[in-house]
Amino acid sequence: MQKKVTLSFDERTYEKFRKFCNEHAIMLSKKLELEMEKIMSPKGGKNE
């Protein structure tokens, strides 16, 4: 089930991230979701 949320970002950071996602053919929301899952994983997003 999808949950809609409203987030606030620094405009410059958002635009750079939006461009990054566009260049890598990934939806911005999906990339954020993947990064959140990585952070919450047992390794906490660290390459140990």
PDB file of N, CA and C in Angstrom:
ATOM      1  N   MET A   1       0.837  -1.179   0.000  1.00  0.00           N
ATOM      2  CA  MET A   1       0.000   0.000   0.000  1.00  0.00           C
ATOM      3  C   MET A   1       0.889   1.253   0.000  1.00  0.00           C
ATOM      4  N   GLN A   2       0.561   2.186  -0.821  1.00  0.00           N
ATOM      5  CA  GLN A   2       1.326   3.421  -0.930  1.00  0.00           C
ATOM      6  C   GLN A   2       0.777   4.462   0.043  1.00  0.00           C
ATOM      7  N   LYS A   3       1.667   5.282   0.574  1.00  0.00           N
ATOM      8  CA  LYS A   3       1.308   6.359   1.491  1.00  0.00           C
ATOM      9  C   LYS A   3       1.798   7.662   0.881  1.00  0.00           C
ATOM     10  N   LYS A   4       0.905   8.624   0.717  1.00  0.00           N
ATOM     11  CA  LYS A   4       1.299   9.935   0.209  1.00  0.00           C
ATOM     12  C   LYS A   4       1.703  10.810   1.378  1.00  0.00           C
ATOM     13  N   VAL A   5       2.828  11.513   1.214  1.00  0.00           N
ATOM     14  CA  VAL A   5       3.334  12.399   2.259  1.00  0.00           C
ATOM     15  C   VAL A   5       3.778  13.717   1.628  1.00  0.00           C
ATOM     16  N   THR A   6       3.892  14.711   2.454  1.00  0.00           N
ATOM     17  CA  THR A   6       4.423  16.004   2.022  1.00  0.00           C
ATOM     18  C   THR A   6       5.730  16.230   2.762  1.00  0.00           C
ATOM     19  N   LEU A   7       6.782  16.523   2.012  1.00  0.00           N
ATOM     20  CA  LEU A   7       8.101  16.760   2.587  1.00  0.00           C
ATOM     21  C   LEU A   7       8.606  18.123   2.141  1.00  0.00           C
ATOM     22  N   SER A   8       9.493  18.689   2.931  1.00  0.00           N
ATOM     23  CA  SER A   8      10.119  19.958   2.565  1.00  0.00           C
ATOM     24  C   SER A   8      11.621  19.743   2.426  1.00  0.00           C
ATOM     25  N   PHE A   9      12.186  20.304   1.350  1.00  0.00           N
ATOM     26  CA  PHE A   9      13.609  20.195   1.072  1.00  0.00           C
ATOM     27  C   PHE A   9      14.148  21.558   0.693  1.00  0.00           C
ATOM     28  N   ASP A  10      15.440  21.731   0.870  1.00  0.00           N
ATOM     29  CA  ASP A  10      16.115  22.892   0.317  1.00  0.00           C
ATOM     30  C   ASP A  10      15.915  22.836  -1.193  1.00  0.00           C
ATOM     31  N   GLU A  11      15.543  23.948  -1.798  1.00  0.00           N
ATOM     32  CA  GLU A  11      15.213  23.963  -3.222  1.00  0.00           C
ATOM     33  C   GLU A  11      16.372  23.483  -4.098  1.00  0.00           C
ATOM     34  N   ARG A  12      17.576  23.950  -3.800  1.00  0.00           N
ATOM     35  CA  ARG A  12      18.732  23.558  -4.609  1.00  0.00           C
ATOM     36  C   ARG A  12      18.999  22.060  -4.492  1.00  0.00           C
ATOM     37  N   THR A  13      18.902  21.524  -3.283  1.00  0.00           N
ATOM     38  CA  THR A  13      19.102  20.089  -3.061  1.00  0.00           C
ATOM     39  C   THR A  13      18.049  19.283  -3.814  1.00  0.00           C
ATOM     40  N   TYR A  14      16.807  19.722  -3.721  1.00  0.00           N
ATOM     41  CA  TYR A  14      15.722  19.027  -4.413  1.00  0.00           C
ATOM     42  C   TYR A  14      15.947  19.007  -5.922  1.00  0.00           C
ATOM     43  N   GLU A  15      16.294  20.152  -6.486  1.00  0.00           N
ATOM     44  CA  GLU A  15      16.495  20.222  -7.934  1.00  0.00           C
ATOM     45  C   GLU A  15      17.659  19.346  -8.389  1.00  0.00           C
ATOM     46  N   LYS A  16      18.733  19.306  -7.619  1.00  0.00           N
ATOM     47  CA  LYS A  16      19.871  18.448  -7.960  1.00  0.00           C
ATOM     48  C   LYS A  16      19.475  16.974  -7.877  1.00  0.00           C
ATOM     49  N   PHE A  17      18.708  16.619  -6.852  1.00  0.00           N
ATOM     50  CA  PHE A  17      18.276  15.227  -6.697  1.00  0.00           C
ATOM     51  C   PHE A  17      17.284  14.839  -7.791  1.00  0.00           C
ATOM     52  N   ARG A  18      16.386  15.750  -8.127  1.00  0.00           N
ATOM     53  CA  ARG A  18      15.423  15.491  -9.200  1.00  0.00           C
ATOM     54  C   ARG A  18      16.160  15.247 -10.514  1.00  0.00           C
ATOM     55  N   LYS A  19      17.185  16.055 -10.789  1.00  0.00           N
ATOM     56  CA  LYS A  19      17.989  15.897 -12.005  1.00  0.00           C
ATOM     57  C   LYS A  19      18.725  14.555 -11.976  1.00  0.00           C
ATOM     58  N   PHE A  20      19.303  14.208 -10.818  1.00  0.00           N
ATOM     59  CA  PHE A  20      19.992  12.926 -10.675  1.00  0.00           C
ATOM     60  C   PHE A  20      19.042  11.763 -11.005  1.00  0.00           C
ATOM     61  N   CYS A  21      17.851  11.800 -10.429  1.00  0.00           N
ATOM     62  CA  CYS A  21      16.876  10.725 -10.670  1.00  0.00           C
ATOM     63  C   CYS A  21      16.482  10.664 -12.135  1.00  0.00           C
ATOM     64  N   ASN A  22      16.285  11.818 -12.737  1.00  0.00           N
ATOM     65  CA  ASN A  22      15.923  11.862 -14.149  1.00  0.00           C
ATOM     66  C   ASN A  22      17.031  11.264 -15.011  1.00  0.00           C
ATOM     67  N   GLU A  23      18.266  11.622 -14.728  1.00  0.00           N
ATOM     68  CA  GLU A  23      19.405  11.116 -15.509  1.00  0.00           C
ATOM     69  C   GLU A  23      19.623   9.622 -15.322  1.00  0.00           C
ATOM     70  N   HIS A  24      19.185   9.075 -14.178  1.00  0.00           N
ATOM     71  CA  HIS A  24      19.351   7.653 -13.899  1.00  0.00           C
ATOM     72  C   HIS A  24      18.051   6.868 -14.075  1.00  0.00           C
ATOM     73  N   ALA A  25      17.077   7.504 -14.700  1.00  0.00           N
ATOM     74  CA  ALA A  25      15.800   6.874 -15.047  1.00  0.00           C
ATOM     75  C   ALA A  25      15.144   6.178 -13.854  1.00  0.00           C
ATOM     76  N   ILE A  26      15.059   6.890 -12.741  1.00  0.00           N
ATOM     77  CA  ILE A  26      14.375   6.349 -11.574  1.00  0.00           C
ATOM     78  C   ILE A  26      13.453   7.426 -11.020  1.00  0.00           C
ATOM     79  N   MET A  27      12.290   7.009 -10.592  1.00  0.00           N
ATOM     80  CA  MET A  27      11.358   7.958 -10.003  1.00  0.00           C
ATOM     81  C   MET A  27      11.920   8.472  -8.688  1.00  0.00           C
ATOM     82  N   LEU A  28      11.804   9.754  -8.474  1.00  0.00           N
ATOM     83  CA  LEU A  28      12.323  10.383  -7.278  1.00  0.00           C
ATOM     84  C   LEU A  28      11.772   9.701  -6.024  1.00  0.00           C
ATOM     85  N   SER A  29      10.493   9.445  -5.982  1.00  0.00           N
ATOM     86  CA  SER A  29       9.891   8.818  -4.797  1.00  0.00           C
ATOM     87  C   SER A  29      10.423   7.407  -4.573  1.00  0.00           C
ATOM     88  N   LYS A  30      10.666   6.675  -5.651  1.00  0.00           N
ATOM     89  CA  LYS A  30      11.207   5.320  -5.521  1.00  0.00           C
ATOM     90  C   LYS A  30      12.630   5.358  -4.986  1.00  0.00           C
ATOM     91  N   LYS A  31      13.433   6.300  -5.475  1.00  0.00           N
ATOM     92  CA  LYS A  31      14.809   6.421  -4.999  1.00  0.00           C
ATOM     93  C   LYS A  31      14.836   6.775  -3.515  1.00  0.00           C
ATOM     94  N   LEU A  32      13.977   7.683  -3.084  1.00  0.00           N
ATOM     95  CA  LEU A  32      13.891   8.018  -1.663  1.00  0.00           C
ATOM     96  C   LEU A  32      13.489   6.795  -0.840  1.00  0.00           C
ATOM     97  N   GLU A  33      12.528   6.041  -1.341  1.00  0.00           N
ATOM     98  CA  GLU A  33      12.096   4.831  -0.641  1.00  0.00           C
ATOM     99  C   GLU A  33      13.247   3.835  -0.505  1.00  0.00           C
ATOM    100  N   LEU A  34      13.995   3.616  -1.575  1.00  0.00           N
ATOM    101  CA  LEU A  34      15.126   2.690  -1.540  1.00  0.00           C
ATOM    102  C   LEU A  34      16.198   3.158  -0.556  1.00  0.00           C
ATOM    103  N   GLU A  35      16.464   4.454  -0.536  1.00  0.00           N
ATOM    104  CA  GLU A  35      17.467   4.990   0.382  1.00  0.00           C
ATOM    105  C   GLU A  35      17.009   4.864   1.830  1.00  0.00           C
ATOM    106  N   MET A  36      15.729   5.081   2.096  1.00  0.00           N
ATOM    107  CA  MET A  36      15.210   4.911   3.456  1.00  0.00           C
ATOM    108  C   MET A  36      15.338   3.458   3.900  1.00  0.00           C
ATOM    109  N   GLU A  37      15.026   2.524   2.993  1.00  0.00           N
ATOM    110  CA  GLU A  37      15.158   1.100   3.328  1.00  0.00           C
ATOM    111  C   GLU A  37      16.616   0.748   3.609  1.00  0.00           C
ATOM    112  N   LYS A  38      17.530   1.312   2.824  1.00  0.00           N
ATOM    113  CA  LYS A  38      18.955   1.055   3.026  1.00  0.00           C
ATOM    114  C   LYS A  38      19.406   1.563   4.404  1.00  0.00           C
ATOM    115  N   ILE A  39      18.975   2.755   4.770  1.00  0.00           N
ATOM    116  CA  ILE A  39      19.339   3.334   6.064  1.00  0.00           C
ATOM    117  C   ILE A  39      18.817   2.478   7.219  1.00  0.00           C
ATOM    118  N   MET A  40      17.624   1.917   7.050  1.00  0.00           N
ATOM    119  CA  MET A  40      17.005   1.133   8.117  1.00  0.00           C
ATOM    120  C   MET A  40      17.446  -0.325   8.144  1.00  0.00           C
ATOM    121  N   SER A  41      18.241  -0.747   7.161  1.00  0.00           N
ATOM    122  CA  SER A  41      18.714  -2.122   7.127  1.00  0.00           C
ATOM    123  C   SER A  41      19.664  -2.366   8.296  1.00  0.00           C
ATOM    124  N   PRO A  42      19.924  -3.637   8.641  1.00  0.00           N
ATOM    125  CA  PRO A  42      20.818  -3.934   9.763  1.00  0.00           C
ATOM    126  C   PRO A  42      22.183  -3.240   9.670  1.00  0.00           C
ATOM    127  N   LYS A  43      22.703  -3.061   8.468  1.00  0.00           N
ATOM    128  CA  LYS A  43      23.990  -2.383   8.293  1.00  0.00           C
ATOM    129  C   LYS A  43      23.824  -0.875   8.303  1.00  0.00           C
ATOM    130  N   GLY A  44      22.604  -0.390   8.285  1.00  0.00           N
ATOM    131  CA  GLY A  44      22.371   1.047   8.338  1.00  0.00           C
ATOM    132  C   GLY A  44      22.895   1.802   7.154  1.00  0.00           C
ATOM    133  N   GLY A  45      22.975   1.150   5.984  1.00  0.00           N
ATOM    134  CA  GLY A  45      23.458   1.812   4.784  1.00  0.00           C
ATOM    135  C   GLY A  45      24.963   1.887   4.696  1.00  0.00           C
ATOM    136  N   LYS A  46      25.666   1.260   5.620  1.00  0.00           N
ATOM    137  CA  LYS A  46      27.139   1.285   5.611  1.00  0.00           C
ATOM    138  C   LYS A  46      27.667   0.037   4.936  1.00  0.00           C
ATOM    139  N   ASN A  47      28.756   0.181   4.217  1.00  0.00           N
ATOM    140  CA  ASN A  47      29.390  -0.943   3.550  1.00  0.00           C
ATOM    141  C   ASN A  47      30.427  -1.569   4.454  1.00  0.00           C
ATOM    142  N   GLU A  48      29.979  -2.303   5.438  1.00  0.00           N
ATOM    143  CA  GLU A  48      30.897  -2.956   6.390  1.00  0.00           C
ATOM    144  C   GLU A  48      31.062  -4.399   6.039  1.00  0.00           C
TER     145      GLU A  48
END
